[in-house]
N, C-alpha and C. Protein backbone atom coordinates (compact mmCIF):
# COMPACT_ATOMS: atom_id res chain seq x y z
N UNK A 1 -15.61 -25.61 11.88
CA UNK A 1 -14.38 -26.33 12.07
C UNK A 1 -13.30 -25.34 12.51
N UNK A 2 -12.75 -25.54 13.67
CA UNK A 2 -11.71 -24.66 14.18
C UNK A 2 -10.43 -25.45 14.39
N UNK A 3 -9.39 -24.98 13.73
CA UNK A 3 -8.07 -25.58 13.88
C UNK A 3 -7.13 -24.47 14.28
N UNK A 4 -6.43 -24.64 15.37
CA UNK A 4 -5.62 -23.54 15.90
C UNK A 4 -4.25 -23.44 15.26
N UNK A 5 -3.79 -24.43 14.52
CA UNK A 5 -2.44 -24.35 13.97
C UNK A 5 -2.39 -23.73 12.59
N UNK A 6 -3.51 -23.33 12.01
CA UNK A 6 -3.50 -22.64 10.73
C UNK A 6 -3.07 -21.19 10.94
N UNK A 7 -2.44 -20.59 9.93
CA UNK A 7 -2.08 -19.18 10.05
C UNK A 7 -3.34 -18.33 10.20
N UNK A 8 -3.25 -17.29 11.00
CA UNK A 8 -4.41 -16.46 11.28
C UNK A 8 -4.83 -15.61 10.09
N UNK A 9 -3.90 -15.34 9.15
CA UNK A 9 -4.25 -14.48 8.03
C UNK A 9 -4.66 -15.28 6.80
N UNK A 10 -5.08 -16.53 6.95
CA UNK A 10 -5.56 -17.36 5.85
C UNK A 10 -7.01 -17.73 6.08
N UNK A 11 -7.72 -17.89 5.00
CA UNK A 11 -9.08 -18.38 5.09
C UNK A 11 -9.18 -19.66 4.29
N UNK A 12 -10.14 -20.47 4.60
CA UNK A 12 -10.32 -21.74 3.91
C UNK A 12 -11.55 -21.62 3.02
N UNK A 13 -11.38 -21.92 1.74
CA UNK A 13 -12.50 -21.93 0.82
C UNK A 13 -12.69 -23.35 0.34
N UNK A 14 -13.89 -23.84 0.45
CA UNK A 14 -14.17 -25.20 0.01
C UNK A 14 -14.82 -25.14 -1.37
N UNK A 15 -14.25 -25.87 -2.30
CA UNK A 15 -14.76 -25.90 -3.66
C UNK A 15 -14.72 -27.33 -4.14
N UNK A 16 -15.88 -27.94 -4.31
CA UNK A 16 -16.00 -29.31 -4.78
C UNK A 16 -15.23 -30.29 -3.89
N UNK A 17 -15.26 -30.06 -2.60
CA UNK A 17 -14.61 -30.97 -1.68
C UNK A 17 -13.13 -30.72 -1.46
N UNK A 18 -12.52 -29.80 -2.20
CA UNK A 18 -11.10 -29.51 -2.04
C UNK A 18 -10.92 -28.32 -1.11
N UNK A 19 -9.81 -28.27 -0.43
CA UNK A 19 -9.49 -27.13 0.42
C UNK A 19 -8.44 -26.28 -0.27
N UNK A 20 -8.69 -24.98 -0.29
CA UNK A 20 -7.73 -24.04 -0.84
C UNK A 20 -7.48 -22.96 0.20
N UNK A 21 -6.26 -22.54 0.33
CA UNK A 21 -5.91 -21.49 1.27
C UNK A 21 -5.69 -20.20 0.49
N UNK A 22 -6.31 -19.13 0.93
CA UNK A 22 -6.18 -17.84 0.29
C UNK A 22 -5.73 -16.82 1.33
N UNK A 23 -4.73 -16.03 0.99
CA UNK A 23 -4.29 -14.95 1.88
C UNK A 23 -5.28 -13.81 1.82
N UNK A 24 -5.62 -13.29 2.96
CA UNK A 24 -6.50 -12.13 3.01
C UNK A 24 -5.68 -10.89 2.69
N UNK A 25 -6.20 -10.04 1.81
CA UNK A 25 -5.50 -8.81 1.48
C UNK A 25 -5.75 -7.79 2.58
N UNK A 26 -4.67 -7.27 3.12
CA UNK A 26 -4.77 -6.26 4.16
C UNK A 26 -4.36 -4.93 3.56
N UNK A 27 -5.18 -3.93 3.72
CA UNK A 27 -4.79 -2.60 3.27
C UNK A 27 -4.11 -1.91 4.43
N UNK A 28 -2.99 -1.31 4.13
CA UNK A 28 -2.27 -0.55 5.14
C UNK A 28 -2.95 0.79 5.30
N UNK A 29 -2.71 1.43 6.40
CA UNK A 29 -3.36 2.71 6.62
C UNK A 29 -2.32 3.78 6.94
N UNK A 30 -2.79 5.01 6.84
CA UNK A 30 -1.97 6.16 7.20
C UNK A 30 -2.88 7.16 7.89
N UNK A 31 -2.32 8.18 8.51
CA UNK A 31 -3.10 9.17 9.24
C UNK A 31 -3.66 10.19 8.25
N UNK A 32 -4.94 10.08 7.93
CA UNK A 32 -5.57 10.96 6.95
C UNK A 32 -5.58 12.42 7.40
N UNK A 33 -5.63 12.64 8.71
CA UNK A 33 -5.69 14.01 9.21
C UNK A 33 -4.34 14.71 9.14
N UNK A 34 -3.25 13.97 9.30
CA UNK A 34 -1.94 14.62 9.38
C UNK A 34 -1.02 14.32 8.21
N UNK A 35 -1.35 13.35 7.36
CA UNK A 35 -0.46 12.98 6.26
C UNK A 35 -1.16 13.06 4.91
N UNK A 36 -0.38 13.43 3.89
CA UNK A 36 -0.87 13.54 2.52
C UNK A 36 -0.11 12.54 1.67
N UNK A 37 -0.79 11.67 0.89
CA UNK A 37 -0.07 10.78 -0.01
C UNK A 37 0.54 11.60 -1.15
N UNK A 38 1.80 11.36 -1.47
CA UNK A 38 2.46 12.10 -2.53
C UNK A 38 3.62 11.29 -3.08
N UNK A 39 4.20 11.79 -4.18
CA UNK A 39 5.35 11.14 -4.81
C UNK A 39 6.49 12.14 -4.83
N UNK A 40 7.63 11.73 -4.29
CA UNK A 40 8.83 12.58 -4.31
C UNK A 40 9.66 12.18 -5.52
N UNK A 41 10.03 13.17 -6.33
CA UNK A 41 10.79 12.93 -7.55
C UNK A 41 12.16 13.58 -7.40
N UNK A 42 13.21 12.81 -7.67
CA UNK A 42 14.56 13.34 -7.61
C UNK A 42 14.83 14.20 -8.84
N UNK A 43 15.36 15.41 -8.65
CA UNK A 43 15.64 16.28 -9.79
C UNK A 43 16.88 15.82 -10.54
N UNK A 44 17.74 15.03 -9.91
CA UNK A 44 18.97 14.56 -10.56
C UNK A 44 18.71 13.31 -11.41
N UNK A 45 18.07 12.31 -10.82
CA UNK A 45 17.91 11.02 -11.50
C UNK A 45 16.50 10.76 -12.00
N UNK A 46 15.53 11.51 -11.52
CA UNK A 46 14.14 11.28 -11.90
C UNK A 46 13.49 10.13 -11.15
N UNK A 47 14.20 9.59 -10.16
CA UNK A 47 13.66 8.48 -9.37
C UNK A 47 12.42 8.94 -8.61
N UNK A 48 11.36 8.12 -8.62
CA UNK A 48 10.12 8.46 -7.95
C UNK A 48 9.92 7.55 -6.75
N UNK A 49 9.58 8.15 -5.62
CA UNK A 49 9.32 7.41 -4.39
C UNK A 49 7.96 7.82 -3.85
N UNK A 50 7.10 6.84 -3.64
CA UNK A 50 5.77 7.11 -3.09
C UNK A 50 5.84 7.07 -1.58
N UNK A 51 5.06 7.93 -0.95
CA UNK A 51 5.05 7.96 0.50
C UNK A 51 4.04 8.96 1.00
N UNK A 52 4.28 9.44 2.22
CA UNK A 52 3.34 10.35 2.86
C UNK A 52 4.09 11.55 3.44
N UNK A 53 3.53 12.73 3.22
CA UNK A 53 4.13 13.97 3.69
C UNK A 53 3.29 14.52 4.83
N UNK A 54 3.95 14.84 5.93
CA UNK A 54 3.27 15.40 7.09
C UNK A 54 2.81 16.81 6.77
N UNK A 55 1.55 17.12 7.04
CA UNK A 55 0.99 18.45 6.75
C UNK A 55 1.64 19.54 7.58
N UNK A 56 1.99 19.23 8.82
CA UNK A 56 2.53 20.24 9.72
C UNK A 56 4.02 20.48 9.52
N UNK A 57 4.81 19.41 9.48
CA UNK A 57 6.27 19.55 9.43
C UNK A 57 6.84 19.46 8.02
N UNK A 58 6.11 18.87 7.08
CA UNK A 58 6.63 18.68 5.73
C UNK A 58 7.54 17.48 5.60
N UNK A 59 7.71 16.72 6.68
CA UNK A 59 8.58 15.55 6.66
C UNK A 59 7.96 14.47 5.77
N UNK A 60 8.80 13.82 4.93
CA UNK A 60 8.35 12.79 4.00
C UNK A 60 8.69 11.42 4.56
N UNK A 61 7.71 10.53 4.58
CA UNK A 61 7.91 9.15 5.03
C UNK A 61 7.76 8.24 3.82
N UNK A 62 8.84 7.57 3.42
CA UNK A 62 8.84 6.71 2.22
C UNK A 62 8.02 5.45 2.45
N UNK A 63 7.31 5.02 1.40
CA UNK A 63 6.55 3.79 1.47
C UNK A 63 7.05 2.78 0.44
N UNK A 64 7.28 3.23 -0.82
CA UNK A 64 7.78 2.31 -1.83
C UNK A 64 8.34 3.07 -3.03
N UNK A 65 9.20 2.40 -3.77
CA UNK A 65 9.80 2.95 -4.98
C UNK A 65 8.84 2.75 -6.14
N UNK A 66 8.66 3.78 -6.96
CA UNK A 66 7.77 3.69 -8.12
C UNK A 66 8.64 3.61 -9.37
N UNK A 67 8.60 2.46 -10.04
CA UNK A 67 9.38 2.27 -11.26
C UNK A 67 8.52 2.35 -12.52
N UNK A 68 7.22 2.04 -12.38
CA UNK A 68 6.31 2.07 -13.53
C UNK A 68 4.88 2.29 -13.03
N UNK A 69 3.95 2.31 -13.96
CA UNK A 69 2.54 2.58 -13.63
C UNK A 69 1.96 1.47 -12.74
N UNK A 70 2.42 0.23 -12.91
CA UNK A 70 1.92 -0.87 -12.08
C UNK A 70 2.30 -0.68 -10.61
N UNK A 71 3.51 -0.16 -10.36
CA UNK A 71 3.92 0.13 -8.98
C UNK A 71 3.04 1.20 -8.35
N UNK A 72 2.69 2.22 -9.14
CA UNK A 72 1.82 3.28 -8.63
C UNK A 72 0.44 2.73 -8.29
N UNK A 73 -0.10 1.87 -9.16
CA UNK A 73 -1.40 1.27 -8.89
C UNK A 73 -1.35 0.35 -7.66
N UNK A 74 -0.23 -0.36 -7.49
CA UNK A 74 -0.07 -1.21 -6.31
C UNK A 74 -0.03 -0.37 -5.04
N UNK A 75 0.63 0.79 -5.09
CA UNK A 75 0.67 1.70 -3.94
C UNK A 75 -0.73 2.20 -3.61
N UNK A 76 -1.47 2.61 -4.63
CA UNK A 76 -2.85 3.08 -4.42
C UNK A 76 -3.72 2.00 -3.81
N UNK A 77 -3.61 0.78 -4.32
CA UNK A 77 -4.42 -0.33 -3.82
C UNK A 77 -4.03 -0.71 -2.40
N UNK A 78 -2.73 -0.71 -2.13
CA UNK A 78 -2.23 -1.12 -0.82
C UNK A 78 -2.71 -0.19 0.30
N UNK A 79 -2.78 1.11 -0.01
CA UNK A 79 -3.18 2.09 1.01
C UNK A 79 -4.61 2.60 0.82
N UNK A 80 -5.32 2.10 -0.19
CA UNK A 80 -6.70 2.52 -0.42
C UNK A 80 -6.84 3.97 -0.82
N UNK A 81 -5.95 4.45 -1.70
CA UNK A 81 -5.94 5.84 -2.13
C UNK A 81 -6.69 5.95 -3.46
N UNK A 82 -7.70 6.82 -3.50
CA UNK A 82 -8.49 6.99 -4.70
C UNK A 82 -8.33 8.38 -5.32
N UNK A 83 -7.84 9.34 -4.54
CA UNK A 83 -7.69 10.69 -5.07
C UNK A 83 -6.36 10.81 -5.82
N UNK A 84 -6.19 11.96 -6.48
CA UNK A 84 -4.98 12.21 -7.24
C UNK A 84 -3.78 12.34 -6.30
N UNK A 85 -2.66 11.78 -6.70
CA UNK A 85 -1.43 11.86 -5.90
C UNK A 85 -0.52 12.91 -6.53
N UNK A 86 -0.18 13.93 -5.76
CA UNK A 86 0.67 15.01 -6.26
C UNK A 86 2.14 14.64 -6.18
N UNK A 87 2.92 15.21 -7.11
CA UNK A 87 4.37 15.02 -7.11
C UNK A 87 5.03 16.29 -6.59
N UNK A 88 6.13 16.11 -5.87
CA UNK A 88 6.93 17.26 -5.48
C UNK A 88 8.40 16.93 -5.70
N UNK A 89 9.18 17.98 -5.97
CA UNK A 89 10.59 17.83 -6.34
C UNK A 89 11.52 18.33 -5.27
């Protein structure tokens, strides 16, 4: 069954004759060769920001604010990161 007006990022699951729409989880990507996942910590406020640091230039690209452990796990899941994430100040 093909219907062109449905959103492209949804799938249809049939369960007992009912239709349910589920969003497909998309993992974002980053350049593994040139970027390192890390957390930048402010020395003044202690605020933590997750993102990616360029290996060559050292430039930091912010991805999300980390307020608790759940935010860190969401960052790991969103970008498919399984290794340890280093902090820098």
